[in-house]
Amino acid sequence: METKDLNDDLRPEYDLTKLKVRRVGKGRRLMNEIKLDLDVARVFPDSESVNAALRTLIRITEQHKSELASK
């Protein structure tokens, strides 16, 4: 089938102007991508180490909040 034979008229209710292009593969950007400053990136070489440090900070903060609430 040739391209000229296709009838690709969209219905008026289909609004494609708000669609975003989704990349696949290596060039794909994740929605929750976070950029680290260079000094921080030197300390945390990968996402696992950043997540571990943040979870530790969260745990300490929550413990501190509960200690303050019990006083």
Foldseek 3Di string as FASTA:
>chain_A
DDPVPDDPDDDPVDDCPPDDDADDDDPGDDPPDDDDDPVVCVVPVDPVSVVVVVVVVVVVVVVVVVVVVVD
